């Protein structure tokens, strides 16, 4: 059955939808509950949902905004159900958000930024360019500045290491992109190493971002 992705205003979420979202989080490592999800409704503008038939398979809170004039897709709390199709579901989730980016920012390069709990999350950046952090790359001054800007956007100003992009947690459950790939053995060991110092119980996360170039977005929109 084909996957169906849809984005709408957070204000349009019903209580039953929030319960569905909490249900798919139950299988994940983050364990987001209805209480945490309800807070995200107040903090974010949009929510993207992916359904496999009638069953919810993933969701993501997000915004399309300009940060210092730069077109950006900012992904907040997100979770992908641990199903055999979860890699395809993640692609559908991000693809829908990039489709919205084409409409909001035609003919412009768009920054895509989020927080990760696990190296599997980097699969969300498939097709993006100049991903930070990335293996073998020393972040430039401007890239480090983007790390600080995104940390501020996520309410973590002053808690990010702008060289490792690690956000130190506060002991609370951090809203981030929660995804585990079907076959973790295929993960790049260098990407896995980015998470070596991440303290899950403390609520640490890793900031990541990349660029969806205008040509790439236009090609996706034409499909």
Protein backbone atom coordinates (compact mmCIF):
# COMPACT_ATOMS: atom_id res chain seq x y z
CA UNK A 1 0.00 0.00 0.00
CA UNK A 2 1.30 3.46 -0.91
CA UNK A 3 2.42 5.80 1.83
CA UNK A 4 0.47 9.04 2.17
CA UNK A 5 2.12 12.15 3.63
CA UNK A 6 0.24 15.28 4.65
CA UNK A 7 1.16 18.54 6.40
CA UNK A 8 -1.27 20.72 8.31
CA UNK A 9 -1.40 23.35 11.03
CA UNK A 10 -0.74 22.04 14.52
CA UNK A 11 -3.96 23.68 15.66
CA UNK A 12 -5.83 21.13 13.53
CA UNK A 13 -4.56 18.13 15.52
CA UNK A 14 -7.27 16.21 17.36
CA UNK A 15 -6.95 14.35 20.65
CA UNK A 16 -7.23 11.05 18.78
CA UNK A 17 -4.34 12.02 16.52
CA UNK A 18 -2.19 12.90 19.52
CA UNK A 19 -3.00 9.47 20.96
CA UNK A 20 -1.96 7.84 17.68
CA UNK A 21 1.30 9.76 17.76
CA UNK A 22 1.98 8.66 21.34
CA UNK A 23 1.27 5.06 20.34
CA UNK A 24 3.97 4.98 17.66
CA UNK A 25 6.41 6.65 20.06
CA UNK A 26 5.91 3.82 22.55
CA UNK A 27 8.10 1.53 20.44
CA UNK A 28 10.88 4.09 20.10
CA UNK A 29 13.74 4.87 22.43
CA UNK A 30 12.50 8.41 23.13
CA UNK A 31 9.13 7.32 24.51
CA UNK A 32 7.32 10.60 23.90
CA UNK A 33 3.95 10.66 25.66
CA UNK A 34 0.76 12.66 25.09
CA UNK A 35 1.81 15.32 27.60
CA UNK A 36 5.06 16.08 25.77
CA UNK A 37 3.28 15.96 22.42
CA UNK A 38 0.68 18.46 23.59
CA UNK A 39 3.44 20.94 24.46
CA UNK A 40 4.85 20.60 20.93
CA UNK A 41 1.46 21.59 19.49
CA UNK A 42 1.85 24.94 21.26
CA UNK A 43 5.47 25.46 20.16
CA UNK A 44 5.35 24.52 16.46
CA UNK A 45 3.37 25.75 13.46
CA UNK A 46 3.10 22.66 11.27
CA UNK A 47 2.90 18.90 11.68
CA UNK A 48 3.59 16.32 8.97
CA UNK A 49 2.05 12.86 9.22
CA UNK A 50 2.74 9.76 7.14
CA UNK A 51 0.12 7.02 6.95
CA UNK A 52 0.43 3.50 5.63
CA UNK A 53 -3.19 2.99 4.68
CA UNK A 54 -5.14 4.30 7.66
CA UNK A 55 -2.40 3.64 10.20
CA UNK A 56 -0.07 6.41 11.31
CA UNK A 57 3.57 5.52 10.59
CA UNK A 58 5.42 8.76 11.38
CA UNK A 59 5.00 12.38 12.35
CA UNK A 60 7.14 15.48 12.59
CA UNK A 61 6.54 18.92 14.02
CA UNK A 62 8.20 21.54 11.84
CA UNK A 63 8.28 25.12 10.59
CA UNK A 64 9.19 26.83 7.34
CA UNK A 65 10.87 30.08 8.29
CA UNK A 66 13.75 32.41 7.60
CA UNK A 67 16.61 32.49 10.05
CA UNK A 68 18.65 35.62 9.48
CA UNK A 69 17.07 35.80 6.05
CA UNK A 70 17.98 32.20 5.14
CA UNK A 71 15.10 29.94 4.06
CA UNK A 72 14.92 27.05 6.51
CA UNK A 73 13.01 23.88 7.28
CA UNK A 74 13.30 23.37 11.02
CA UNK A 75 12.32 19.90 12.19
CA UNK A 76 11.32 19.55 15.82
CA UNK A 77 10.08 16.45 17.58
CA UNK A 78 9.62 13.59 15.12
CA UNK A 79 9.15 9.85 15.43
CA UNK A 80 9.04 6.99 12.94
CA UNK A 81 7.25 3.78 13.88
CA UNK A 82 9.57 0.78 14.13
CA UNK A 83 8.01 -1.08 11.21
CA UNK A 84 9.78 -2.98 8.40
CA UNK A 85 9.02 -0.01 6.10
CA UNK A 86 10.40 2.65 8.41
CA UNK A 87 13.25 3.73 6.12
CA UNK A 88 10.76 4.40 3.32
CA UNK A 89 8.46 6.13 5.81
CA UNK A 90 11.27 8.51 6.82
CA UNK A 91 11.93 9.36 3.17
CA UNK A 92 8.23 10.09 2.70
CA UNK A 93 8.17 12.29 5.81
CA UNK A 94 11.15 14.41 4.77
CA UNK A 95 10.04 14.44 1.14
CA UNK A 96 6.74 16.04 2.12
CA UNK A 97 8.53 18.75 4.07
CA UNK A 98 10.87 19.47 1.16
CA UNK A 99 7.86 19.68 -1.15
CA UNK A 100 6.42 22.34 1.14
CA UNK A 101 9.79 24.12 1.09
CA UNK A 102 9.60 24.45 -2.73
CA UNK A 103 6.23 26.17 -2.38
CA UNK A 104 7.42 28.49 0.40
CA UNK A 105 10.86 29.28 -1.02
CA UNK A 106 10.81 28.84 -4.83
CA UNK A 107 14.22 29.01 -6.56
CA UNK A 108 16.13 29.26 -3.28
CA UNK A 109 18.54 26.99 -1.45
CA UNK A 110 17.02 25.85 1.84
CA UNK A 111 18.72 24.88 5.10
CA UNK A 112 17.27 21.80 6.82
CA UNK A 113 18.06 21.50 10.52
CA UNK A 114 17.07 19.18 13.36
CA UNK A 115 18.30 17.40 16.48
CA UNK A 116 19.25 13.72 16.49
CA UNK A 117 19.13 11.04 19.17
CA UNK A 118 20.77 8.32 17.11
CA UNK A 119 23.07 8.07 14.05
CA UNK A 120 20.22 6.47 12.12
CA UNK A 121 18.60 9.89 12.00
CA UNK A 122 21.16 11.10 9.47
CA UNK A 123 19.19 9.14 6.86
CA UNK A 124 16.80 12.10 6.93
CA UNK A 125 19.50 14.14 5.15
CA UNK A 126 19.72 11.88 2.11
CA UNK A 127 20.12 14.09 -0.97
CA UNK A 128 21.23 17.18 0.99
CA UNK A 129 24.59 18.88 0.47
CA UNK A 130 27.24 20.26 2.84
CA UNK A 131 25.85 18.27 5.78
CA UNK A 132 27.24 19.26 9.18
CA UNK A 133 28.63 17.43 11.00
CA UNK A 134 30.02 14.98 8.46
CA UNK A 135 32.96 12.56 8.52
CA UNK A 136 36.36 14.06 7.75
CA UNK A 137 35.11 17.64 7.80
CA UNK A 138 36.19 20.41 10.16
CA UNK A 139 33.32 22.86 10.57
CA UNK A 140 33.99 26.38 9.34
CA UNK A 141 33.29 29.47 11.39
CA UNK A 142 30.02 30.04 9.56
CA UNK A 143 28.96 26.42 10.08
CA UNK A 144 29.72 26.69 13.79
CA UNK A 145 27.64 29.86 13.85
CA UNK A 146 24.76 27.92 12.30
CA UNK A 147 25.09 25.38 15.08
CA UNK A 148 24.66 28.17 17.63
CA UNK A 149 21.73 29.70 15.71
CA UNK A 150 19.93 26.38 15.60
CA UNK A 151 20.64 25.71 19.27
CA UNK A 152 19.04 29.07 20.07
CA UNK A 153 16.07 28.19 17.83
CA UNK A 154 15.67 24.94 19.79
CA UNK A 155 15.79 26.74 23.13
CA UNK A 156 19.26 25.45 23.96
CA UNK A 157 21.29 28.65 23.69
CA UNK A 158 24.52 28.35 25.65
CA UNK A 159 24.30 24.55 25.87
CA UNK A 160 25.83 23.61 22.51
CA UNK A 161 29.44 22.76 21.70
CA UNK A 162 29.88 24.49 18.35
CA UNK A 163 32.71 22.14 17.38
CA UNK A 164 30.98 18.82 18.08
CA UNK A 165 27.38 20.15 17.72
CA UNK A 166 26.41 18.29 20.88
CA UNK A 167 23.66 19.90 22.96
CA UNK A 168 23.97 19.16 26.67
CA UNK A 169 20.62 18.06 28.09
CA UNK A 170 18.85 19.29 31.19
CA UNK A 171 17.63 15.93 32.46
CA UNK A 172 14.32 16.23 30.61
CA UNK A 173 13.19 14.22 27.59
CA UNK A 174 14.54 16.15 24.57
CA UNK A 175 12.25 16.68 21.57
CA UNK A 176 14.26 15.41 18.59
CA UNK A 177 14.08 13.20 15.50
CA UNK A 178 13.60 9.63 16.75
CA UNK A 179 14.41 7.07 14.05
CA UNK A 180 16.21 3.74 13.93
CA UNK A 181 17.15 2.32 10.54
CA UNK A 182 16.19 -1.24 9.63
CA UNK A 183 19.83 -2.38 9.35
CA UNK A 184 22.10 -0.44 11.73
CA UNK A 185 25.10 -2.54 10.66
CA UNK A 186 25.27 -0.39 7.55
CA UNK A 187 25.81 2.85 9.46
CA UNK A 188 29.04 4.73 8.80
CA UNK A 189 31.27 4.22 11.87
CA UNK A 190 32.42 7.83 11.54
CA UNK A 191 28.83 9.04 11.89
CA UNK A 192 28.27 6.72 14.84
CA UNK A 193 31.33 8.31 16.47
CA UNK A 194 29.56 11.69 16.55
CA UNK A 195 27.33 10.22 19.25
CA UNK A 196 30.10 8.71 21.41
CA UNK A 197 29.81 11.39 24.08
CA UNK A 198 26.02 11.77 23.90
CA UNK A 199 24.45 11.10 27.31
CA UNK A 200 20.91 9.79 26.73
CA UNK A 201 19.76 9.87 30.39
CA UNK A 202 20.88 13.50 30.62
CA UNK A 203 18.84 14.34 27.52
CA UNK A 204 21.70 15.17 25.15
CA UNK A 205 21.05 15.59 21.43
CA UNK A 206 23.16 16.31 18.37
CA UNK A 207 22.40 19.21 16.03
CA UNK A 208 22.63 18.41 12.34
CA UNK A 209 21.91 20.45 9.25
CA UNK A 210 22.36 20.38 5.50
CA UNK A 211 21.34 22.23 2.36
CA UNK A 212 18.59 21.34 -0.06
CA UNK A 213 19.73 23.13 -3.21
CA UNK A 214 17.22 24.89 -5.42
CA UNK A 215 17.86 22.51 -8.33
CA UNK A 216 17.32 19.47 -6.10
CA UNK A 217 14.08 20.88 -4.75
CA UNK A 218 12.83 21.78 -8.22
CA UNK A 219 13.53 18.25 -9.45
CA UNK A 220 11.58 16.78 -6.53
CA UNK A 221 8.66 19.12 -7.13
CA UNK A 222 8.42 18.05 -10.78
CA UNK A 223 8.04 14.34 -9.93
